[in-house]
Protein backbone atom coordinates (compact mmCIF):
# COMPACT_ATOMS: atom_id res chain seq x y z
CA MET A 1 56.40 121.86 111.82
CA VAL A 2 59.06 120.85 114.33
CA ILE A 3 62.41 122.68 114.41
CA HIS A 4 65.42 120.61 115.40
CA ASN A 5 68.70 122.29 116.35
CA GLU A 6 71.75 120.07 115.98
CA TYR A 7 74.81 121.63 117.63
CA ILE A 8 78.35 120.33 117.36
CA GLU A 9 81.28 121.78 119.29
CA GLY A 10 84.87 120.73 118.89
CA SER A 11 88.38 121.88 118.07
CA THR A 12 90.43 121.39 114.96
CA VAL A 13 93.60 119.32 115.21
CA SER A 14 96.10 119.76 112.39
CA GLY A 15 93.45 121.90 110.68
CA GLU A 16 90.66 119.29 110.78
CA LEU A 17 87.53 118.55 112.80
CA ILE A 18 85.28 115.60 111.94
CA ALA A 19 82.01 115.01 113.81
CA ASN A 20 78.83 113.03 113.29
CA THR A 21 75.33 114.31 113.96
CA ARG A 22 72.84 112.39 116.00
CA GLN A 23 70.38 110.25 114.05
CA PHE A 24 67.97 112.46 112.10
CA LEU A 25 64.62 111.09 111.05
CA MET A 26 63.64 113.02 107.93
CA GLY A 27 63.28 116.67 107.02
CA ILE A 28 65.01 119.72 105.57
CA ILE A 29 68.14 121.46 106.86
CA ARG A 30 67.11 125.11 106.68
CA GLN A 31 70.31 126.79 107.89
CA ILE A 32 73.97 125.90 108.40
CA VAL A 33 75.94 128.05 110.85
CA VAL A 34 79.66 127.80 111.72
CA GLN A 35 81.52 129.95 114.25
CA PRO A 36 85.28 129.58 114.68
CA ALA A 37 86.83 131.04 117.83
CA THR A 38 88.43 133.88 115.84
CA GLY A 39 87.14 135.83 112.87
CA THR A 40 90.32 135.51 110.82
CA THR A 41 90.39 131.70 110.55
CA THR A 42 89.89 130.33 107.03
CA TYR A 43 88.53 126.80 106.50
CA ASN A 44 86.52 124.46 104.28
CA LEU A 45 83.17 122.93 105.28
CA SER A 46 81.80 119.62 104.06
CA ILE A 47 78.64 117.69 104.96
CA VAL A 48 78.34 114.04 103.91
CA ASN A 49 75.17 111.95 104.21
CA ASP A 50 74.83 108.38 105.47
CA ASN A 51 75.39 107.07 101.93
CA SER A 52 78.85 108.73 101.84
CA ILE A 53 77.64 111.36 99.36
CA GLU A 54 78.84 114.93 99.86
CA VAL A 55 75.63 116.97 99.97
CA PHE A 56 77.15 120.33 100.91
CA TYR A 57 80.57 121.92 100.38
CA SER A 58 81.97 125.41 100.74
CA ASP A 59 85.63 126.35 100.63
CA SER A 60 87.81 129.28 101.65
CA ILE A 61 85.37 130.46 104.33
CA THR A 62 86.82 133.13 106.63
CA GLY A 63 85.25 133.73 110.04
CA ASN A 64 81.58 133.10 110.75
CA PHE A 65 79.50 131.28 108.15
CA SER A 66 75.71 131.24 107.82
CA GLU A 67 73.79 129.93 104.84
CA GLU A 68 70.11 129.19 104.38
CA THR A 69 69.47 125.91 102.58
CA ALA A 70 66.72 123.51 101.58
CA LEU A 71 68.84 120.40 102.04
CA PRO A 72 66.87 117.15 102.51
CA PHE A 73 68.23 114.94 105.29
CA ARG A 74 67.82 111.45 106.71
CA GLY A 75 70.07 109.47 109.03
CA VAL A 76 73.49 110.41 110.39
CA TYR A 77 75.56 113.13 108.71
CA THR A 78 79.30 113.73 108.96
CA VAL A 79 80.38 117.37 109.23
CA THR A 80 84.02 118.14 108.42
CA ILE A 81 86.00 121.34 108.91
CA SER A 82 89.22 121.00 106.92
CA GLU A 83 92.29 123.04 106.04
CA ALA A 84 91.64 125.43 108.94
CA THR A 85 94.40 128.00 109.26
CA LYS A 86 94.30 127.72 113.08
CA ASP A 87 93.67 124.90 115.50
CA GLU A 88 90.86 126.29 117.61
CA ALA A 89 87.30 125.74 118.83
CA PHE A 90 84.41 125.65 116.35
CA LYS A 91 80.66 125.73 116.93
CA ILE A 92 78.50 124.23 114.18
CA GLY A 93 74.72 124.46 114.01
CA LEU A 94 72.34 122.65 111.66
CA LEU A 95 68.84 124.03 112.01
CA ALA A 96 66.34 121.61 110.54
CA GLU A 97 62.62 121.35 109.94
CA GLU A 98 61.28 117.85 110.60
């Protein structure tokens, strides 16, 4: 078992941050973690696979987010923070088992 940590850092502009992961081979995303700069920011989180299919969505998240998953992955994924109530820095982690 190999654990891969994909980290994305960026800031929302007009409430949105869109970023692509590096190329994944194949495996399972075991945990999704999001940390906005402040604990009162509310936002939506979407993850779309390389076939343009939304494979994960959560809305009205406030503050830090952490969810364990068993989400199969392959290729490049697009992670979107949308409708954020503040334009600020976000840290996003996808912890995967390859």
